[in-house]
Amino acid sequence: MLSYDSGIFIVGGSVLLLSHELNQRVWNDVLDSTLYMQLASEAKQSSLADYEQWWVQYSSQFNQFGWTRLQSFGGGYGPDSEQARQSLRKIVASKLSLYLSSTSIEAVDRALIELTRLPTHSAVRAQLRQYSLVEDSASNLITVRLQLGIALKGLRFICLSFSFTTRETLPSSVIEHLFQTNDIVGEIKFNGCVAVLDSTAFELWRQRIGSVVAPAREDLIRAVHSLLPNQYAVDLKR
């Protein structure tokens, strides 16, 4: 079960929640491996240029490095036309309820609330904007992306990705922004997968992955809330 004391991190362009029921070693394994997968995917296909292809590269790696992908899903849906303005939380709510428990949905809500409390010019906000917004100067359209990952007891990992295009001019931070429904162009696209991590199998990859991501940890893994109830803390520079 996730609680308010679950770890909340920004890993590359993803908001990542780690259950307090997982130990420090597992936290580190999930943080390192998901960052490694993002970097490997980016090397093959820029997420800013073609997010759909990037997602294919990223999610396919959940069948490697000790991970086993159990389920994949995706599709598109229209925004709630009865709402004139909607937050990111509201935009993704209908799909979250299909794949997450009520407890996990509450944890996502709390994570997004924590992000809104960050200082206006914080490095975390800047990092999210860098990965979450793609502006097309030719069409004056902006693509908004939100990627969520939740690691649960039993080493079960749920990854969800949402993207949509808007005509609206956006502020520096979109976490708390209320999007104009009429400015959203086309459907909201979503993709996701469910995977499990075998710690024994990951043992063969831990050192290699750790050495690859070590130079990027400080810049691309940022803790929003990281202290476990049992006083373990993740050492991101280990």
C-alpha atoms as a PDB file:
ATOM      1  CA  MET A   1       0.000   0.000   0.000  1.00  0.00           C
ATOM      2  CA  LEU A   2       1.288   3.467  -0.877  1.00  0.00           C
ATOM      3  CA  SER A   3       1.124   6.157   1.767  1.00  0.00           C
ATOM      4  CA  TYR A   4       1.956   9.826   2.060  1.00  0.00           C
ATOM      5  CA  ASP A   5       5.432   8.716   3.135  1.00  0.00           C
ATOM      6  CA  SER A   6       6.088   6.979  -0.148  1.00  0.00           C
ATOM      7  CA  GLY A   7       9.044   8.251  -2.114  1.00  0.00           C
ATOM      8  CA  ILE A   8       8.260  10.802  -4.808  1.00  0.00           C
ATOM      9  CA  PHE A   9      10.925  11.349  -7.454  1.00  0.00           C
ATOM     10  CA  ILE A  10      11.347  12.952 -10.831  1.00  0.00           C
ATOM     11  CA  VAL A  11      13.374  10.527 -12.948  1.00  0.00           C
ATOM     12  CA  GLY A  12      14.172  12.100 -16.291  1.00  0.00           C
ATOM     13  CA  GLY A  13      10.719  13.037 -17.510  1.00  0.00           C
ATOM     14  CA  SER A  14       8.740  10.682 -15.263  1.00  0.00           C
ATOM     15  CA  VAL A  15       7.029  11.212 -11.924  1.00  0.00           C
ATOM     16  CA  LEU A  16       7.953   8.101  -9.943  1.00  0.00           C
ATOM     17  CA  LEU A  17       6.370   6.887  -6.703  1.00  0.00           C
ATOM     18  CA  LEU A  18       8.053   4.196  -4.612  1.00  0.00           C
ATOM     19  CA  SER A  19       6.160   2.359  -1.879  1.00  0.00           C
ATOM     20  CA  HIS A  20       7.570   2.584   1.636  1.00  0.00           C
ATOM     21  CA  GLU A  21       7.074  -1.202   1.797  1.00  0.00           C
ATOM     22  CA  LEU A  22      10.058  -1.607  -0.540  1.00  0.00           C
ATOM     23  CA  ASN A  23      13.573  -1.498   0.918  1.00  0.00           C
ATOM     24  CA  GLN A  24      16.416   0.841   0.006  1.00  0.00           C
ATOM     25  CA  ARG A  25      18.055  -1.606  -2.405  1.00  0.00           C
ATOM     26  CA  VAL A  26      14.821  -1.987  -4.388  1.00  0.00           C
ATOM     27  CA  TRP A  27      14.307   1.789  -4.453  1.00  0.00           C
ATOM     28  CA  ASN A  28      17.776   2.198  -5.928  1.00  0.00           C
ATOM     29  CA  ASP A  29      17.238  -0.634  -8.432  1.00  0.00           C
ATOM     30  CA  VAL A  30      13.977   0.875  -9.698  1.00  0.00           C
ATOM     31  CA  LEU A  31      15.412   4.398  -9.892  1.00  0.00           C
ATOM     32  CA  ASP A  32      18.560   3.287 -11.707  1.00  0.00           C
ATOM     33  CA  SER A  33      16.894   0.865 -14.103  1.00  0.00           C
ATOM     34  CA  THR A  34      14.086   3.225 -15.151  1.00  0.00           C
ATOM     35  CA  LEU A  35      16.615   6.027 -15.725  1.00  0.00           C
ATOM     36  CA  TYR A  36      18.800   3.614 -17.705  1.00  0.00           C
ATOM     37  CA  MET A  37      15.826   2.659 -19.887  1.00  0.00           C
ATOM     38  CA  GLN A  38      14.995   6.320 -20.500  1.00  0.00           C
ATOM     39  CA  LEU A  39      18.581   7.120 -21.502  1.00  0.00           C
ATOM     40  CA  ALA A  40      18.840   4.046 -23.753  1.00  0.00           C
ATOM     41  CA  SER A  41      15.561   4.953 -25.456  1.00  0.00           C
ATOM     42  CA  GLU A  42      16.631   8.561 -25.910  1.00  0.00           C
ATOM     43  CA  ALA A  43      19.828   7.401 -27.616  1.00  0.00           C
ATOM     44  CA  LYS A  44      17.744   5.593 -30.247  1.00  0.00           C
ATOM     45  CA  GLN A  45      14.796   7.964 -30.579  1.00  0.00           C
ATOM     46  CA  SER A  46      14.392  11.462 -29.152  1.00  0.00           C
ATOM     47  CA  SER A  47      11.273  11.692 -27.026  1.00  0.00           C
ATOM     48  CA  LEU A  48      10.915  15.330 -28.096  1.00  0.00           C
ATOM     49  CA  ALA A  49      10.892  14.397 -31.790  1.00  0.00           C
ATOM     50  CA  ASP A  50       8.637  11.309 -31.715  1.00  0.00           C
ATOM     51  CA  TYR A  51       7.224  10.356 -28.344  1.00  0.00           C
ATOM     52  CA  GLU A  52       5.220   7.391 -29.652  1.00  0.00           C
ATOM     53  CA  GLN A  53       8.323   5.695 -31.030  1.00  0.00           C
ATOM     54  CA  TRP A  54      10.254   6.620 -27.916  1.00  0.00           C
ATOM     55  CA  TRP A  55       7.594   4.917 -25.796  1.00  0.00           C
ATOM     56  CA  VAL A  56       7.874   1.741 -27.879  1.00  0.00           C
ATOM     57  CA  GLN A  57      11.621   1.688 -27.225  1.00  0.00           C
ATOM     58  CA  TYR A  58      11.201   2.463 -23.528  1.00  0.00           C
ATOM     59  CA  SER A  59       8.433   0.005 -22.702  1.00  0.00           C
ATOM     60  CA  SER A  60      10.085  -2.847 -24.639  1.00  0.00           C
ATOM     61  CA  GLN A  61      12.923  -2.794 -22.115  1.00  0.00           C
ATOM     62  CA  PHE A  62      10.589  -4.015 -19.392  1.00  0.00           C
ATOM     63  CA  ASN A  63      11.390  -7.462 -20.783  1.00  0.00           C
ATOM     64  CA  GLN A  64      15.091  -7.052 -19.978  1.00  0.00           C
ATOM     65  CA  PHE A  65      17.439  -6.486 -17.043  1.00  0.00           C
ATOM     66  CA  GLY A  66      15.426  -8.681 -14.685  1.00  0.00           C
ATOM     67  CA  TRP A  67      12.117  -7.033 -15.589  1.00  0.00           C
ATOM     68  CA  THR A  68       9.160  -9.002 -16.979  1.00  0.00           C
ATOM     69  CA  ARG A  69       6.368  -7.103 -18.702  1.00  0.00           C
ATOM     70  CA  LEU A  70       3.009  -8.618 -17.792  1.00  0.00           C
ATOM     71  CA  GLN A  71       0.631  -6.327 -19.643  1.00  0.00           C
ATOM     72  CA  SER A  72       0.615  -3.486 -22.161  1.00  0.00           C
ATOM     73  CA  PHE A  73      -2.259  -1.202 -23.046  1.00  0.00           C
ATOM     74  CA  GLY A  74      -3.031   2.067 -24.779  1.00  0.00           C
ATOM     75  CA  GLY A  75      -5.533   4.064 -26.768  1.00  0.00           C
ATOM     76  CA  GLY A  76      -7.125   7.488 -26.983  1.00  0.00           C
ATOM     77  CA  TYR A  77     -10.073   9.355 -25.520  1.00  0.00           C
ATOM     78  CA  GLY A  78     -11.605  12.801 -25.691  1.00  0.00           C
ATOM     79  CA  PRO A  79     -11.462  15.412 -22.928  1.00  0.00           C
ATOM     80  CA  ASP A  80     -14.521  15.939 -20.726  1.00  0.00           C
ATOM     81  CA  SER A  81     -16.516  18.395 -22.811  1.00  0.00           C
ATOM     82  CA  GLU A  82     -18.677  19.334 -19.822  1.00  0.00           C
ATOM     83  CA  GLN A  83     -15.671  20.910 -18.104  1.00  0.00           C
ATOM     84  CA  ALA A  84     -14.474  24.267 -19.442  1.00  0.00           C
ATOM     85  CA  ARG A  85     -11.085  23.934 -17.729  1.00  0.00           C
ATOM     86  CA  GLN A  86      -9.287  20.833 -16.457  1.00  0.00           C
ATOM     87  CA  SER A  87      -6.134  20.091 -14.488  1.00  0.00           C
ATOM     88  CA  LEU A  88      -3.725  17.322 -15.508  1.00  0.00           C
ATOM     89  CA  ARG A  89      -5.120  15.279 -12.624  1.00  0.00           C
ATOM     90  CA  LYS A  90      -8.644  15.557 -14.014  1.00  0.00           C
ATOM     91  CA  ILE A  91      -7.518  14.859 -17.578  1.00  0.00           C
ATOM     92  CA  VAL A  92      -5.920  11.523 -16.623  1.00  0.00           C
ATOM     93  CA  ALA A  93      -8.378  10.539 -13.868  1.00  0.00           C
ATOM     94  CA  SER A  94     -10.645   8.361 -16.011  1.00  0.00           C
ATOM     95  CA  LYS A  95      -7.753   6.127 -17.083  1.00  0.00           C
ATOM     96  CA  LEU A  96      -6.050   6.006 -13.691  1.00  0.00           C
ATOM     97  CA  SER A  97      -9.171   4.408 -12.241  1.00  0.00           C
ATOM     98  CA  LEU A  98      -8.916   1.555 -14.781  1.00  0.00           C
ATOM     99  CA  TYR A  99      -5.368   0.526 -13.877  1.00  0.00           C
ATOM    100  CA  LEU A 100      -4.706   1.737 -10.331  1.00  0.00           C
ATOM    101  CA  SER A 101      -6.312   1.007  -6.990  1.00  0.00           C
ATOM    102  CA  SER A 102      -7.991   3.833  -5.096  1.00  0.00           C
ATOM    103  CA  THR A 103      -5.007   3.924  -2.737  1.00  0.00           C
ATOM    104  CA  SER A 104      -2.552   4.328  -5.624  1.00  0.00           C
ATOM    105  CA  ILE A 105      -4.719   7.029  -7.200  1.00  0.00           C
ATOM    106  CA  GLU A 106      -4.633   8.906  -3.895  1.00  0.00           C
ATOM    107  CA  ALA A 107      -0.841   8.564  -3.890  1.00  0.00           C
ATOM    108  CA  VAL A 108      -0.657  10.042  -7.401  1.00  0.00           C
ATOM    109  CA  ASP A 109      -2.872  12.930  -6.276  1.00  0.00           C
ATOM    110  CA  ARG A 110      -0.613  13.575  -3.308  1.00  0.00           C
ATOM    111  CA  ALA A 111       2.471  13.456  -5.506  1.00  0.00           C
ATOM    112  CA  LEU A 112       1.000  16.038  -7.882  1.00  0.00           C
ATOM    113  CA  ILE A 113       0.033  18.202  -4.905  1.00  0.00           C
ATOM    114  CA  GLU A 114       3.597  17.990  -3.592  1.00  0.00           C
ATOM    115  CA  LEU A 115       4.853  19.155  -6.989  1.00  0.00           C
ATOM    116  CA  THR A 116       2.557  22.208  -6.904  1.00  0.00           C
ATOM    117  CA  ARG A 117       4.147  23.221  -3.603  1.00  0.00           C
ATOM    118  CA  LEU A 118       7.638  23.436  -5.066  1.00  0.00           C
ATOM    119  CA  PRO A 119       9.165  26.902  -5.512  1.00  0.00           C
ATOM    120  CA  THR A 120       8.278  28.531  -8.815  1.00  0.00           C
ATOM    121  CA  HIS A 121      11.843  28.423 -10.123  1.00  0.00           C
ATOM    122  CA  SER A 122      12.822  25.029  -8.695  1.00  0.00           C
ATOM    123  CA  ALA A 123      15.025  22.639 -10.677  1.00  0.00           C
ATOM    124  CA  VAL A 124      12.291  19.985 -10.493  1.00  0.00           C
ATOM    125  CA  ARG A 125       9.765  22.251 -12.210  1.00  0.00           C
ATOM    126  CA  ALA A 126      12.327  23.126 -14.888  1.00  0.00           C
ATOM    127  CA  GLN A 127      13.097  19.455 -15.492  1.00  0.00           C
ATOM    128  CA  LEU A 128       9.417  18.553 -15.812  1.00  0.00           C
ATOM    129  CA  ARG A 129       8.851  21.347 -18.298  1.00  0.00           C
ATOM    130  CA  GLN A 130      11.853  20.259 -20.363  1.00  0.00           C
ATOM    131  CA  TYR A 131      10.475  16.728 -20.741  1.00  0.00           C
ATOM    132  CA  SER A 132       6.746  17.462 -20.635  1.00  0.00           C
ATOM    133  CA  LEU A 133       6.234  20.249 -23.175  1.00  0.00           C
ATOM    134  CA  VAL A 134       7.097  20.273 -26.879  1.00  0.00           C
ATOM    135  CA  GLU A 135       6.349  23.486 -28.742  1.00  0.00           C
ATOM    136  CA  ASP A 136       5.819  23.526 -32.514  1.00  0.00           C
ATOM    137  CA  SER A 137       6.576  27.067 -33.663  1.00  0.00           C
ATOM    138  CA  ALA A 138       5.192  26.398 -37.145  1.00  0.00           C
ATOM    139  CA  SER A 139       1.705  25.399 -35.967  1.00  0.00           C
ATOM    140  CA  ASN A 140       1.746  27.244 -32.617  1.00  0.00           C
ATOM    141  CA  LEU A 141       0.654  23.999 -30.981  1.00  0.00           C
ATOM    142  CA  ILE A 142       2.088  22.547 -27.778  1.00  0.00           C
ATOM    143  CA  THR A 143       2.196  18.850 -26.931  1.00  0.00           C
ATOM    144  CA  VAL A 144       1.839  18.106 -23.229  1.00  0.00           C
ATOM    145  CA  ARG A 145       3.097  14.807 -21.795  1.00  0.00           C
ATOM    146  CA  LEU A 146       2.822  13.252 -18.359  1.00  0.00           C
ATOM    147  CA  GLN A 147       4.518   9.980 -17.451  1.00  0.00           C
ATOM    148  CA  LEU A 148       3.799   8.265 -14.134  1.00  0.00           C
ATOM    149  CA  GLY A 149       5.444   5.214 -12.579  1.00  0.00           C
ATOM    150  CA  ILE A 150       4.410   3.465  -9.359  1.00  0.00           C
ATOM    151  CA  ALA A 151       6.462   0.722  -7.698  1.00  0.00           C
ATOM    152  CA  LEU A 152       4.412  -1.411  -5.313  1.00  0.00           C
ATOM    153  CA  LYS A 153       4.976  -4.209  -2.836  1.00  0.00           C
ATOM    154  CA  GLY A 154       5.953  -7.412  -4.626  1.00  0.00           C
ATOM    155  CA  LEU A 155       8.167  -5.393  -7.013  1.00  0.00           C
ATOM    156  CA  ARG A 156       5.181  -4.704  -9.246  1.00  0.00           C
ATOM    157  CA  PHE A 157       5.609  -1.608 -11.395  1.00  0.00           C
ATOM    158  CA  ILE A 158       2.861   0.280 -13.222  1.00  0.00           C
ATOM    159  CA  CYS A 159       3.898   2.818 -15.857  1.00  0.00           C
ATOM    160  CA  LEU A 160       1.384   5.189 -17.468  1.00  0.00           C
ATOM    161  CA  SER A 161       1.946   7.824 -20.128  1.00  0.00           C
ATOM    162  CA  PHE A 162      -0.446  10.539 -21.334  1.00  0.00           C
ATOM    163  CA  SER A 163      -0.070  13.115 -24.104  1.00  0.00           C
ATOM    164  CA  PHE A 164      -2.271  15.688 -25.803  1.00  0.00           C
ATOM    165  CA  THR A 165      -1.928  18.761 -27.999  1.00  0.00           C
ATOM    166  CA  THR A 166      -3.244  22.212 -27.158  1.00  0.00           C
ATOM    167  CA  ARG A 167      -3.506  25.600 -28.841  1.00  0.00           C
ATOM    168  CA  GLU A 168      -3.201  27.281 -25.463  1.00  0.00           C
ATOM    169  CA  THR A 169      -0.185  29.353 -24.438  1.00  0.00           C
ATOM    170  CA  LEU A 170       1.108  27.681 -21.299  1.00  0.00           C
ATOM    171  CA  PRO A 171       2.884  29.012 -18.212  1.00  0.00           C
ATOM    172  CA  SER A 172       6.309  27.853 -17.044  1.00  0.00           C
ATOM    173  CA  SER A 173       4.730  25.082 -14.935  1.00  0.00           C
ATOM    174  CA  VAL A 174       1.785  22.943 -16.005  1.00  0.00           C
ATOM    175  CA  ILE A 175       1.317  20.775 -12.895  1.00  0.00           C
ATOM    176  CA  GLU A 176      -1.334  23.058 -11.404  1.00  0.00           C
ATOM    177  CA  HIS A 177      -2.464  24.662 -14.670  1.00  0.00           C
ATOM    178  CA  LEU A 178      -6.136  24.480 -15.674  1.00  0.00           C
ATOM    179  CA  PHE A 179      -6.210  23.647 -19.387  1.00  0.00           C
ATOM    180  CA  GLN A 180      -8.886  25.103 -21.633  1.00  0.00           C
ATOM    181  CA  THR A 181     -10.890  22.096 -22.836  1.00  0.00           C
ATOM    182  CA  ASN A 182     -11.826  23.774 -26.140  1.00  0.00           C
ATOM    183  CA  ASP A 183      -8.130  24.328 -26.921  1.00  0.00           C
ATOM    184  CA  ILE A 184      -7.238  20.628 -26.709  1.00  0.00           C
ATOM    185  CA  VAL A 185      -6.764  19.342 -30.269  1.00  0.00           C
ATOM    186  CA  GLY A 186      -7.829  15.768 -31.027  1.00  0.00           C
ATOM    187  CA  GLU A 187      -7.674  12.913 -28.557  1.00  0.00           C
ATOM    188  CA  ILE A 188      -5.710  12.435 -25.381  1.00  0.00           C
ATOM    189  CA  LYS A 189      -3.368   9.503 -26.039  1.00  0.00           C
ATOM    190  CA  PHE A 190      -2.378   7.080 -23.342  1.00  0.00           C
ATOM    191  CA  ASN A 191      -0.012   4.127 -23.076  1.00  0.00           C
ATOM    192  CA  GLY A 192       0.965   1.929 -20.206  1.00  0.00           C
ATOM    193  CA  CYS A 193       2.426  -1.327 -19.011  1.00  0.00           C
ATOM    194  CA  VAL A 194       2.615  -3.479 -15.898  1.00  0.00           C
ATOM    195  CA  ALA A 195       5.901  -5.206 -15.075  1.00  0.00           C
ATOM    196  CA  VAL A 196       7.610  -6.996 -12.206  1.00  0.00           C
ATOM    197  CA  LEU A 197      11.255  -6.903 -11.177  1.00  0.00           C
ATOM    198  CA  ASP A 198      13.167 -10.057 -10.267  1.00  0.00           C
ATOM    199  CA  SER A 199      15.875  -8.810  -7.883  1.00  0.00           C
ATOM    200  CA  THR A 200      17.925 -11.977  -8.346  1.00  0.00           C
ATOM    201  CA  ALA A 201      17.967 -11.587 -12.138  1.00  0.00           C
ATOM    202  CA  PHE A 202      18.683  -7.857 -11.798  1.00  0.00           C
ATOM    203  CA  GLU A 203      21.783  -8.707  -9.763  1.00  0.00           C
ATOM    204  CA  LEU A 204      23.569  -9.520 -13.030  1.00  0.00           C
ATOM    205  CA  TRP A 205      22.842  -6.027 -14.357  1.00  0.00           C
ATOM    206  CA  ARG A 206      23.087  -3.864 -11.221  1.00  0.00           C
ATOM    207  CA  GLN A 207      26.738  -2.873 -11.526  1.00  0.00           C
ATOM    208  CA  ARG A 208      26.629  -2.252 -15.280  1.00  0.00           C
ATOM    209  CA  ILE A 209      23.466  -0.151 -15.106  1.00  0.00           C
ATOM    210  CA  GLY A 210      24.748   1.710 -12.067  1.00  0.00           C
ATOM    211  CA  SER A 211      27.967   2.700 -13.815  1.00  0.00           C
ATOM    212  CA  VAL A 212      26.069   3.950 -16.887  1.00  0.00           C
ATOM    213  CA  VAL A 213      23.590   6.128 -14.971  1.00  0.00           C
ATOM    214  CA  ALA A 214      26.041   7.370 -12.315  1.00  0.00           C
ATOM    215  CA  PRO A 215      27.024  10.545 -14.259  1.00  0.00           C
ATOM    216  CA  ALA A 216      23.344  11.429 -14.792  1.00  0.00           C
ATOM    217  CA  ARG A 217      21.923  10.673 -11.328  1.00  0.00           C
ATOM    218  CA  GLU A 218      22.491  14.085  -9.817  1.00  0.00           C
ATOM    219  CA  ASP A 219      20.889  15.940 -12.735  1.00  0.00           C
ATOM    220  CA  LEU A 220      18.096  13.545 -13.708  1.00  0.00           C
ATOM    221  CA  ILE A 221      16.955  11.934 -10.445  1.00  0.00           C
ATOM    222  CA  ARG A 222      15.454  14.506  -8.117  1.00  0.00           C
ATOM    223  CA  ALA A 223      13.797  13.651  -4.828  1.00  0.00           C
ATOM    224  CA  VAL A 224      10.601  15.504  -3.992  1.00  0.00           C
ATOM    225  CA  HIS A 225       9.900  13.374  -0.916  1.00  0.00           C
ATOM    226  CA  SER A 226      12.330  10.559  -0.177  1.00  0.00           C
ATOM    227  CA  LEU A 227      12.424   9.552   3.508  1.00  0.00           C
ATOM    228  CA  LEU A 228      11.036   6.124   4.358  1.00  0.00           C
ATOM    229  CA  PRO A 229       9.079   5.596   7.618  1.00  0.00           C
ATOM    230  CA  ASN A 230      11.756   3.119   8.781  1.00  0.00           C
ATOM    231  CA  GLN A 231      14.349   5.910   8.393  1.00  0.00           C
ATOM    232  CA  TYR A 232      15.973   4.441   5.282  1.00  0.00           C
ATOM    233  CA  ALA A 233      16.887   7.144   2.814  1.00  0.00           C
ATOM    234  CA  VAL A 234      17.861   6.636  -0.801  1.00  0.00           C
ATOM    235  CA  ASP A 235      21.438   7.646  -1.501  1.00  0.00           C
ATOM    236  CA  LEU A 236      21.230   8.877  -5.069  1.00  0.00           C
ATOM    237  CA  LYS A 237      24.997   9.400  -5.414  1.00  0.00           C
ATOM    238  CA  ARG A 238      26.090   6.072  -3.929  1.00  0.00           C
END
